[in-house]
Amino acid sequence: MSGADAAAPSASSRRALMAACVGNVVEWYDFAIFGALGIVLVPVFFPSEAGVDLLLAAFAVYATAFLARPIGAVYAGRRGDARGRTGVLASVVLVMSGATAAIGLLPGEARIGVAAGVLVVLLRAAQGLAAGGELGLAAVFIAEHADRGRRGFVASWHTATLCLGIALGFGVGGLILWATSAEDGESGWWRLAFVLALPLGLIGVYVRRLVDPPLFTASDTPRPSAPVGDLWRQRGPAVRAGFVLVGAGSLAFNTWFVFLPNHLVDTTSRSLDAALLTSVGGLVVAALSAVCLGRWSDLRGRRPVVLSSAALLAVAAVPLWLLAGSGSLLAMAAAQTLVGVGVGGVLSVATLAEQFPTRLRATGLALTAGLGTALLGGTGPLVDQILIRATGVDALPGVYAAIVAALALVAVYRLPETAGSELS
């Protein structure tokens, strides 16, 4: 092999990493804005009635997008396996950004009545379809561009930029609330954060115009997509383990970074802007942890990293929830920092990508991620709110997160070590 040939994959990897990461930040900024400002938006789009739990309503609408994710995951995964990753990745950014901007431009319930609430739910579902395709397909795109000796590090940038995109959404939302001193949705300032998604989305589409990974383009395309049944028959244990693993990481994230800030605002004197801006620090820690632990997994193996991270979430979930629930922003920041370390290690893209062959990889990763985030992660804030309202026991969100993390620990223990392996 010539020196030029040897350098080409490295240059391609850098371009692919930049494209996937920039698009990922844009995609998750869009998705996070509703999680950050949902409690502000619900009174704008839904009828206000005495006795209605606004936080419960906000989390119900928030969960809508997650329930749509598996559908988007299967569609985008099969399209990506059959026709290539790049075109689908550009499309999901456009759908996500368009739906987000549309929420920002949508008239409220006072002007168009019940249609406002219906349209918000439909637009959230569109966001979920796009997010379902993004979560698995972008991870595959990055992993397939990485050299096997650095796949853990390179693929970890997917998790890192996911966290940074959410941090950007929380930061923009928090700054708008802080600058305007307006937590009343009728003021309309929150709309700026949503409309900003449109130019960001166009940037994301532009940078994703790259060729597909060598592993994909080496085959003839277009090619028939593999039935989902093949995935289950050939890689059933990997699908089940990935579902629980992604579910544990997603639930931990949604419990400490989405539910907790809103819960403190609802039950203490803390303001939403302060809670959101405090959460940004924990998300940055999660991003840094993902990159560091990804590199460690290249050197020491995938299993030690993922097992230790799942163990951290399982053992520390209840104490960290009780610490964060004290109402102190400093305590919340400390809890989110430790949870961020666990989330950064549990959401190991390389571990998941290495479980599937190329013809099934996009579908497999998208489906496991879509189901895990839909059934466990995205519904987490809604379940947490119901548990506390029904029992009055504030520790139950931590208990729930600990149980799911323990299940992930068992599931990952059964997976083989794949660090350094070739992607088939």
Protein backbone atom coordinates (compact mmCIF):
# COMPACT_ATOMS: atom_id res chain seq x y z
CA MET A 1 0.00 0.00 0.00
CA SER A 2 1.35 3.43 -0.90
CA GLY A 3 1.71 6.27 1.54
CA ALA A 4 -1.12 8.08 -0.17
CA ASP A 5 -3.38 5.08 0.16
CA ALA A 6 -2.57 4.73 3.80
CA ALA A 7 -3.33 8.37 4.46
CA ALA A 8 -6.64 8.37 2.61
CA PRO A 9 -8.66 6.50 5.23
CA SER A 10 -7.36 8.84 7.91
CA ALA A 11 -8.46 11.92 5.94
CA SER A 12 -11.83 10.29 5.23
CA SER A 13 -12.22 9.48 8.92
CA ARG A 14 -11.59 13.07 9.91
CA ARG A 15 -14.14 14.40 7.42
CA ALA A 16 -16.71 11.81 8.46
CA LEU A 17 -16.16 12.54 12.14
CA MET A 18 -16.61 16.28 11.59
CA ALA A 19 -19.76 15.77 9.52
CA ALA A 20 -21.37 13.35 11.95
CA CYS A 21 -20.45 15.38 15.02
CA VAL A 22 -21.64 18.75 13.70
CA GLY A 23 -24.90 17.18 12.57
CA ASN A 24 -25.23 15.41 15.91
CA VAL A 25 -24.88 18.65 17.88
CA VAL A 26 -27.55 20.29 15.72
CA GLU A 27 -29.89 17.30 15.97
CA TRP A 28 -29.75 17.04 19.76
CA TYR A 29 -29.92 20.79 20.29
CA ASP A 30 -33.25 20.63 18.47
CA PHE A 31 -34.49 17.70 20.51
CA ALA A 32 -33.34 19.10 23.86
CA ILE A 33 -35.09 22.45 23.60
CA PHE A 34 -38.49 20.94 24.33
CA GLY A 35 -37.11 19.02 27.31
CA ALA A 36 -35.63 22.25 28.65
CA LEU A 37 -38.68 24.46 28.16
CA GLY A 38 -41.57 21.98 28.17
CA ILE A 39 -43.07 23.24 31.42
CA VAL A 40 -43.11 26.76 29.91
CA LEU A 41 -44.71 25.60 26.65
CA VAL A 42 -47.54 23.40 27.93
CA PRO A 43 -49.75 26.30 29.13
CA VAL A 44 -49.30 27.98 25.73
CA PHE A 45 -50.52 25.06 23.61
CA PHE A 46 -52.90 23.17 25.87
CA PRO A 47 -56.09 24.30 27.67
CA SER A 48 -55.45 25.54 31.21
CA GLU A 49 -57.70 23.83 33.72
CA ALA A 50 -57.67 23.97 37.49
CA GLY A 51 -56.06 20.95 39.09
CA VAL A 52 -54.07 19.94 36.00
CA ASP A 53 -50.50 18.81 36.79
CA LEU A 54 -48.53 20.89 34.29
CA LEU A 55 -45.33 18.95 34.92
CA LEU A 56 -47.09 15.64 34.24
CA ALA A 57 -48.58 17.09 31.05
CA ALA A 58 -45.18 18.38 29.92
CA PHE A 59 -43.54 14.99 30.46
CA ALA A 60 -46.38 13.23 28.61
CA VAL A 61 -45.82 15.42 25.54
CA TYR A 62 -42.05 14.97 25.96
CA ALA A 63 -42.50 11.18 25.89
CA THR A 64 -44.43 11.34 22.61
CA ALA A 65 -41.24 11.90 20.64
CA PHE A 66 -39.56 8.90 22.26
CA LEU A 67 -42.46 6.58 21.50
CA ALA A 68 -42.11 7.48 17.81
CA ARG A 69 -38.39 6.72 17.81
CA PRO A 70 -38.52 2.96 17.08
CA ILE A 71 -40.51 3.62 13.90
CA GLY A 72 -37.96 6.15 12.69
CA ALA A 73 -35.15 3.84 13.80
CA VAL A 74 -36.37 0.87 11.76
CA TYR A 75 -37.11 2.96 8.67
CA ALA A 76 -33.83 4.91 8.73
CA GLY A 77 -31.81 1.84 9.67
CA ARG A 78 -33.17 -0.25 6.80
CA ARG A 79 -32.75 2.63 4.34
CA GLY A 80 -29.21 3.15 5.59
CA ASP A 81 -28.36 -0.54 5.24
CA ALA A 82 -29.87 -0.68 1.75
CA ARG A 83 -28.90 2.64 0.14
CA GLY A 84 -26.20 4.24 2.24
CA ARG A 85 -25.85 6.23 5.43
CA THR A 86 -25.22 9.77 4.14
CA GLY A 87 -28.49 10.62 2.43
CA VAL A 88 -30.58 9.37 5.34
CA LEU A 89 -28.45 11.27 7.86
CA ALA A 90 -28.91 14.52 5.95
CA SER A 91 -32.67 13.93 5.77
CA VAL A 92 -33.15 13.33 9.50
CA VAL A 93 -31.41 16.61 10.35
CA LEU A 94 -33.75 18.45 8.00
CA VAL A 95 -36.86 16.80 9.46
CA MET A 96 -35.76 17.48 13.04
CA SER A 97 -34.87 21.12 12.40
CA GLY A 98 -38.04 21.77 10.43
CA ALA A 99 -40.27 20.29 13.15
CA THR A 100 -38.44 22.24 15.87
CA ALA A 101 -38.72 25.55 14.03
CA ALA A 102 -42.40 24.85 13.33
CA ILE A 103 -43.07 24.53 17.08
CA GLY A 104 -41.45 27.94 17.53
CA LEU A 105 -43.75 29.48 14.91
CA LEU A 106 -46.95 27.70 15.94
CA PRO A 107 -49.81 29.88 17.31
CA GLY A 108 -50.94 29.06 20.82
CA GLU A 109 -54.18 27.56 22.14
CA ALA A 110 -55.63 31.02 22.73
CA ARG A 111 -55.56 31.67 18.95
CA ILE A 112 -56.29 28.33 17.27
CA GLY A 113 -57.82 26.31 20.07
CA VAL A 114 -57.29 22.58 20.49
CA ALA A 115 -55.49 22.40 17.13
CA ALA A 116 -52.43 23.91 18.84
CA GLY A 117 -52.02 20.95 21.17
CA VAL A 118 -52.65 18.42 18.39
CA LEU A 119 -50.04 20.05 16.16
CA VAL A 120 -47.44 20.16 18.95
CA VAL A 121 -47.90 16.43 19.57
CA LEU A 122 -47.57 15.70 15.83
CA LEU A 123 -44.45 17.86 15.55
CA ARG A 124 -42.94 16.13 18.59
CA ALA A 125 -43.68 12.81 16.89
CA ALA A 126 -41.83 14.07 13.80
CA GLN A 127 -38.89 14.97 16.03
CA GLY A 128 -39.00 11.46 17.44
CA LEU A 129 -38.97 9.85 14.00
CA ALA A 130 -35.88 11.90 13.09
CA ALA A 131 -34.16 11.23 16.42
CA GLY A 132 -34.78 7.49 16.05
CA GLY A 133 -32.93 7.47 12.76
CA GLU A 134 -30.17 9.76 13.99
CA LEU A 135 -29.27 7.92 17.18
CA GLY A 136 -28.31 4.63 15.55
CA LEU A 137 -27.35 5.69 12.05
CA ALA A 138 -24.95 8.47 13.04
CA ALA A 139 -23.27 6.10 15.50
CA VAL A 140 -22.78 3.51 12.75
CA PHE A 141 -21.51 6.19 10.36
CA ILE A 142 -18.77 7.20 12.79
CA ALA A 143 -17.84 3.67 13.88
CA GLU A 144 -17.46 2.46 10.29
CA HIS A 145 -15.02 5.26 9.51
CA ALA A 146 -12.77 4.44 12.48
CA ASP A 147 -9.63 2.30 12.50
CA ARG A 148 -10.15 -0.74 14.70
CA GLY A 149 -7.43 0.29 17.17
CA ARG A 150 -9.11 3.68 17.76
CA ARG A 151 -12.76 2.77 17.23
CA GLY A 152 -13.70 3.25 20.89
CA PHE A 153 -12.23 6.75 20.93
CA VAL A 154 -13.59 7.83 17.54
CA ALA A 155 -17.06 6.37 18.10
CA SER A 156 -17.25 7.98 21.54
CA TRP A 157 -17.51 11.35 19.83
CA HIS A 158 -21.06 10.40 18.90
CA THR A 159 -22.01 10.23 22.58
CA ALA A 160 -19.91 13.30 23.37
CA THR A 161 -21.53 15.49 20.72
CA LEU A 162 -24.97 14.18 21.67
CA CYS A 163 -24.31 15.47 25.20
CA LEU A 164 -22.90 18.75 23.88
CA GLY A 165 -25.93 19.28 21.64
CA ILE A 166 -28.24 18.80 24.61
CA ALA A 167 -26.01 21.10 26.69
CA LEU A 168 -26.33 23.74 23.95
CA GLY A 169 -30.11 23.40 24.01
CA PHE A 170 -30.26 23.69 27.79
CA GLY A 171 -27.81 26.58 27.75
CA VAL A 172 -29.70 28.56 25.11
CA GLY A 173 -33.01 27.91 26.87
CA GLY A 174 -31.59 28.89 30.25
CA LEU A 175 -29.94 32.05 28.92
CA ILE A 176 -33.13 33.20 27.20
CA LEU A 177 -35.10 32.75 30.42
CA TRP A 178 -32.38 34.48 32.46
CA ALA A 179 -31.99 37.41 30.05
CA THR A 180 -35.73 38.04 29.72
CA SER A 181 -36.71 37.13 33.30
CA ALA A 182 -39.73 35.48 31.67
CA GLU A 183 -40.77 31.96 32.61
CA ASP A 184 -44.27 32.75 31.35
CA GLY A 185 -44.73 31.12 27.95
CA GLU A 186 -47.05 33.88 26.76
CA SER A 187 -44.10 36.29 26.57
CA GLY A 188 -42.92 34.42 23.48
CA TRP A 189 -39.19 34.75 24.11
CA TRP A 190 -38.83 30.96 24.22
CA ARG A 191 -39.68 30.87 20.50
CA LEU A 192 -36.21 32.19 19.64
CA ALA A 193 -34.60 28.94 20.79
CA PHE A 194 -36.87 26.91 18.50
CA VAL A 195 -36.57 29.11 15.40
CA LEU A 196 -32.77 29.01 15.73
CA ALA A 197 -33.03 25.32 14.80
CA LEU A 198 -33.67 26.14 11.13
CA PRO A 199 -30.33 27.79 10.23
CA LEU A 200 -28.51 25.26 12.41
CA GLY A 201 -30.25 22.47 10.53
CA LEU A 202 -29.15 23.81 7.16
CA ILE A 203 -25.56 23.83 8.42
CA GLY A 204 -25.98 20.23 9.58
CA VAL A 205 -27.29 19.11 6.18
CA TYR A 206 -24.43 20.86 4.38
CA VAL A 207 -21.61 19.25 6.37
CA ARG A 208 -23.10 15.77 6.00
CA ARG A 209 -22.64 15.66 2.24
CA LEU A 210 -19.87 13.06 2.44
CA VAL A 211 -19.34 9.62 0.88
CA ASP A 212 -20.43 6.53 2.79
CA PRO A 213 -17.96 4.49 4.85
CA PRO A 214 -15.70 2.04 2.94
CA LEU A 215 -17.45 -0.89 4.62
CA PHE A 216 -20.69 0.13 2.97
CA THR A 217 -19.45 1.28 -0.44
CA ALA A 218 -17.43 -1.91 -0.88
CA SER A 219 -20.74 -3.65 -1.60
CA ASP A 220 -23.02 -3.13 -4.59
CA THR A 221 -25.71 -0.55 -3.92
CA PRO A 222 -28.62 -0.25 -3.82
CA ARG A 223 -29.17 -3.60 -2.15
CA PRO A 224 -32.18 -5.14 -0.40
CA SER A 225 -32.54 -4.25 3.25
CA ALA A 226 -32.42 -7.16 5.68
CA PRO A 227 -35.75 -8.04 7.32
CA VAL A 228 -36.01 -7.17 11.00
CA GLY A 229 -36.68 -10.87 11.61
CA ASP A 230 -33.16 -11.66 10.38
CA LEU A 231 -31.77 -9.24 12.91
CA TRP A 232 -33.63 -10.90 15.77
CA ARG A 233 -32.70 -14.45 14.69
CA GLN A 234 -29.04 -13.74 14.02
CA ARG A 235 -28.29 -11.18 16.72
CA GLY A 236 -31.04 -11.62 19.33
CA PRO A 237 -28.73 -11.50 22.41
CA ALA A 238 -27.03 -8.35 21.08
CA VAL A 239 -30.40 -6.67 20.47
CA ARG A 240 -31.59 -7.48 24.00
CA ALA A 241 -28.33 -6.37 25.62
CA GLY A 242 -28.24 -3.17 23.57
CA PHE A 243 -31.84 -2.38 24.48
CA VAL A 244 -31.14 -2.57 28.22
CA LEU A 245 -27.77 -0.82 27.93
CA VAL A 246 -29.10 2.15 25.97
CA GLY A 247 -32.20 2.18 28.16
CA ALA A 248 -30.09 2.44 31.32
CA GLY A 249 -28.02 5.32 29.96
CA SER A 250 -31.05 7.12 28.57
CA LEU A 251 -33.04 6.68 31.78
CA ALA A 252 -30.16 8.00 33.89
CA PHE A 253 -29.85 11.01 31.60
CA ASN A 254 -33.58 11.77 31.58
CA THR A 255 -33.89 11.30 35.34
CA TRP A 256 -31.05 13.62 36.35
CA PHE A 257 -30.97 16.10 33.47
CA VAL A 258 -34.63 16.41 32.42
CA PHE A 259 -36.81 15.34 35.34
CA LEU A 260 -34.64 16.61 38.20
CA PRO A 261 -34.37 20.31 37.15
CA ASN A 262 -38.13 20.49 36.50
CA HIS A 263 -38.88 18.64 39.74
CA LEU A 264 -36.80 21.09 41.77
CA VAL A 265 -38.50 24.05 40.09
CA ASP A 266 -41.88 22.49 40.90
CA THR A 267 -41.12 21.64 44.54
CA THR A 268 -38.59 24.28 45.67
CA SER A 269 -37.87 27.95 45.10
CA ARG A 270 -35.30 27.23 42.37
CA SER A 271 -35.78 29.01 39.05
CA LEU A 272 -35.83 27.10 35.77
CA ASP A 273 -33.04 29.17 34.22
CA ALA A 274 -30.68 28.42 37.12
CA ALA A 275 -31.52 24.70 37.03
CA LEU A 276 -30.94 24.48 33.28
CA LEU A 277 -27.65 26.36 33.35
CA THR A 278 -26.43 24.20 36.24
CA SER A 279 -27.22 21.08 34.20
CA VAL A 280 -24.92 22.23 31.40
CA GLY A 281 -21.87 21.47 33.56
CA GLY A 282 -22.92 17.86 34.12
CA LEU A 283 -23.54 17.39 30.40
CA VAL A 284 -20.05 18.68 29.57
CA VAL A 285 -18.62 16.18 32.08
CA ALA A 286 -20.61 13.41 30.37
CA ALA A 287 -19.14 14.44 27.01
CA LEU A 288 -15.56 14.47 28.33
CA SER A 289 -16.10 11.15 30.11
CA ALA A 290 -17.38 9.53 26.93
CA VAL A 291 -14.22 10.48 25.02
CA CYS A 292 -11.81 9.47 27.80
CA LEU A 293 -13.59 6.18 28.49
CA GLY A 294 -13.82 5.49 24.77
CA ARG A 295 -10.05 5.69 24.51
CA TRP A 296 -9.67 3.54 27.63
CA SER A 297 -11.86 0.90 26.00
CA ASP A 298 -9.41 0.74 23.08
CA LEU A 299 -6.57 0.08 25.50
CA ARG A 300 -8.24 -2.10 28.15
CA GLY A 301 -11.30 -3.53 26.44
CA ARG A 302 -14.96 -2.61 26.05
CA ARG A 303 -16.31 -4.80 28.84
CA PRO A 304 -14.38 -3.23 31.78
CA VAL A 305 -15.50 0.26 30.76
CA VAL A 306 -19.16 -0.55 30.24
CA LEU A 307 -19.42 -2.85 33.26
CA SER A 308 -17.82 -0.32 35.63
CA SER A 309 -20.03 2.49 34.29
CA ALA A 310 -23.21 0.43 34.68
CA ALA A 311 -22.10 -0.56 38.19
CA LEU A 312 -21.59 3.11 39.09
CA LEU A 313 -25.14 3.96 37.99
CA ALA A 314 -26.61 0.94 39.77
CA VAL A 315 -24.85 1.52 43.09
CA ALA A 316 -24.92 5.33 43.21
CA ALA A 317 -28.36 6.06 41.75
CA VAL A 318 -30.31 6.22 45.01
CA PRO A 319 -27.69 8.15 47.04
CA LEU A 320 -27.19 10.62 44.19
CA TRP A 321 -30.92 11.15 43.80
CA LEU A 322 -31.31 11.84 47.52
CA LEU A 323 -28.34 14.23 47.37
CA ALA A 324 -29.72 16.10 44.37
CA GLY A 325 -33.21 16.23 45.84
CA SER A 326 -32.04 18.40 48.72
CA GLY A 327 -32.86 21.48 46.64
CA SER A 328 -29.29 22.76 46.52
CA LEU A 329 -27.99 23.61 43.05
CA LEU A 330 -24.49 22.63 44.21
CA ALA A 331 -25.78 19.20 45.27
CA MET A 332 -27.60 18.85 41.96
CA ALA A 333 -24.41 19.73 40.06
CA ALA A 334 -22.39 17.16 42.05
CA ALA A 335 -24.95 14.42 41.39
CA GLN A 336 -25.18 15.28 37.69
CA THR A 337 -21.39 15.22 37.39
CA LEU A 338 -21.14 11.65 38.71
CA VAL A 339 -24.12 10.50 36.67
CA GLY A 340 -22.49 12.10 33.62
CA VAL A 341 -19.43 9.89 34.09
CA GLY A 342 -21.64 6.80 34.21
CA VAL A 343 -23.71 7.81 31.19
CA GLY A 344 -20.57 8.59 29.18
CA GLY A 345 -19.29 5.06 29.77
CA VAL A 346 -22.54 3.13 29.43
CA LEU A 347 -23.45 4.61 26.05
CA SER A 348 -20.51 2.91 24.32
CA VAL A 349 -21.14 3.23 20.60
CA ALA A 350 -18.20 0.98 19.69
CA THR A 351 -19.49 -1.84 21.90
CA LEU A 352 -22.89 -1.76 20.22
CA ALA A 353 -21.60 -1.33 16.64
CA GLU A 354 -19.26 -4.31 16.99
CA GLN A 355 -22.17 -6.65 17.77
CA PHE A 356 -23.65 -6.49 14.25
CA PRO A 357 -22.42 -7.28 10.70
CA THR A 358 -22.46 -4.48 8.13
CA ARG A 359 -25.71 -5.57 6.43
CA LEU A 360 -27.54 -5.45 9.79
CA ARG A 361 -25.56 -2.80 11.66
CA ALA A 362 -27.59 0.34 10.97
CA THR A 363 -30.90 -1.43 11.56
CA GLY A 364 -29.57 -3.24 14.64
CA LEU A 365 -28.10 -0.19 16.32
CA ALA A 366 -31.00 2.08 15.41
CA LEU A 367 -33.60 -0.42 16.64
CA THR A 368 -31.90 -1.19 19.96
CA ALA A 369 -31.31 2.50 20.62
CA GLY A 370 -34.83 3.42 19.54
CA LEU A 371 -36.50 0.84 21.77
CA GLY A 372 -34.22 1.54 24.73
CA THR A 373 -34.83 5.27 24.66
CA ALA A 374 -38.56 4.89 23.92
CA LEU A 375 -39.56 2.31 26.51
CA LEU A 376 -37.12 3.15 29.30
CA GLY A 377 -35.41 6.52 28.80
CA GLY A 378 -37.96 8.83 27.24
CA THR A 379 -40.81 7.70 29.45
CA GLY A 380 -38.59 8.06 32.52
CA PRO A 381 -39.64 11.59 33.57
CA LEU A 382 -43.32 10.68 33.14
CA VAL A 383 -42.92 7.48 35.18
CA ASP A 384 -40.91 9.35 37.83
CA GLN A 385 -43.60 11.99 38.21
CA ILE A 386 -46.34 9.35 38.45
CA LEU A 387 -44.39 7.37 41.06
CA ILE A 388 -43.85 10.40 43.27
CA ARG A 389 -47.42 11.64 42.90
CA ALA A 390 -48.88 8.19 43.61
CA THR A 391 -46.70 7.24 46.59
CA GLY A 392 -45.20 10.45 47.96
CA VAL A 393 -41.80 8.70 48.11
CA ASP A 394 -39.21 11.03 46.60
CA ALA A 395 -36.51 8.34 46.34
CA LEU A 396 -38.36 6.21 43.77
CA PRO A 397 -36.82 7.82 40.64
CA GLY A 398 -33.39 6.82 41.95
CA VAL A 399 -34.61 3.29 42.73
CA TYR A 400 -36.06 2.92 39.25
CA ALA A 401 -32.82 4.08 37.61
CA ALA A 402 -30.78 1.72 39.82
CA ILE A 403 -32.89 -1.32 38.85
CA VAL A 404 -32.51 -0.66 35.12
CA ALA A 405 -28.75 -0.06 35.51
CA ALA A 406 -28.45 -3.39 37.36
CA LEU A 407 -30.24 -5.15 34.48
CA ALA A 408 -27.77 -3.52 32.07
CA LEU A 409 -24.91 -4.83 34.19
CA VAL A 410 -26.20 -8.39 33.82
CA ALA A 411 -26.85 -8.01 30.08
CA VAL A 412 -23.41 -6.61 29.28
CA TYR A 413 -21.67 -9.27 31.37
CA ARG A 414 -22.85 -11.83 28.81
CA LEU A 415 -21.51 -9.96 25.79
CA PRO A 416 -18.15 -10.99 24.28
CA GLU A 417 -15.13 -8.69 24.30
CA THR A 418 -14.91 -7.02 20.88
CA ALA A 419 -12.16 -4.39 21.26
CA GLY A 420 -9.72 -4.58 18.36
CA SER A 421 -12.00 -6.73 16.22
CA GLU A 422 -12.64 -6.09 12.53
CA LEU A 423 -16.12 -4.97 11.52
CA SER A 424 -17.51 -7.71 9.27
